[in-house]
Amino acid sequence: MQSRHILLTGGAGFIGSHLSEKLLSLGHRLTSVDNFDNFYSSDVKRKNLEGSLMHDKFRFVELDIRNYKSLNEKLDNDIDVIIHLAAKAGVLPSISKPLEYSETNIIGTQNLLEFAKEKNINKFIFGSSSSVYGINPTVPWSENDNVLKPISPYAATKVSGELLGQVYSSLYNIQFLALRFFTAYGPRQRPDLAIHKFTKMIIDGSPIPFYGDGLSKRDYTYIDDIVNGIAGAIGYNDTIYEIINIGNNNPITLIELVNTIEAVIGKKAIINRLPNQPGDVPVTFASIVKAQKLLGYQPIQSLKEGICLFYEWFKTTYPC
């Protein structure tokens, strides 16, 4: 793969920090930006950067993508590719703070597209989400499903990002690839997400929140598979605008997830049964036919193997 100068937003986050290490290993020059949003501890994000900071082709810039002036003042003029992962994350928090999500996820995305236009950057990879499908009974979910039914402000902002990309792609000949990620997990996973949260609670002997009847399903996708999908998108040049699922094509029920975590840890969970949460969907299920065809994408990590790898990281990061 040809070496590029890549601008990565959200570079200190879970997916971003893993992607940074992958891109550097492939020989790319990388400028990573993050604003250390207080959704979770900035100390965690700074630790995520430690491996990349040792690399001579890595530059980190602390900035907020909502500030267009800052983008122009602090970033270089020779960027070849933008990979935009920065976002206000989380479905439930978006319901209570929708304006904050719009400011970062919509205005921030438009700022970066405008930056790409002004700097003649003709490749833009956007981190979208499976949440854009909302409640869609037709599974597996295909990128050809024309009727999206998002049921949270977060999901709506991701739809907006995809549509903004279509506009800029059409008007300014910027290749825009929207990658819809499905429930990423693995080492460095955010502490608010289920696998991380459940692991800590089971170890601590705290009741875990168990929403609904336990039959809701998620298409858990291991971080290395997600990162390989993004890396594949860097080399894809055949069309100007695409939406592509990056998932595992294998939904797992909440019951199966808890049972797997219990087996890996060797300890039973205490279950706190609760009603379904607003904004949650009963299933996420990715068709990956398009990703396989266009990007050569093929997820390889099983859930149990992935949780074992997560748990090994967890024990070294949060020693009991």
Foldseek 3Di string as FASTA:
>chain_A
DDAFEEEEEPLLADLNLVLLVVNVVVPHQYEYEYQCDVPDGSVLSVVSCVVNVVDPSYHYDYDALLDLVCCVVPDDLRGQEYEYDDFDDDFVVCQVVVVVRCSRLQSSLLSVLVVCLVSVHQEYEYEAALLQQPADPDPPDDPPPPDTDHFGSNSVSRVNSQVSLVVSCVPRVRQYEYEHEWAEDFARHDCVDDLNVQLVCQVVVHADEQEDPQFFWTQYAYSVLVSLLVVLSVPFDDDRYYYAYRTQQDIDTSVRLQVLSCVLVVTHHHHDYDYHDRRDYRYHGHDHPVSCVRRVGHGDDDPNNRSNRRVVNCCVVPPD
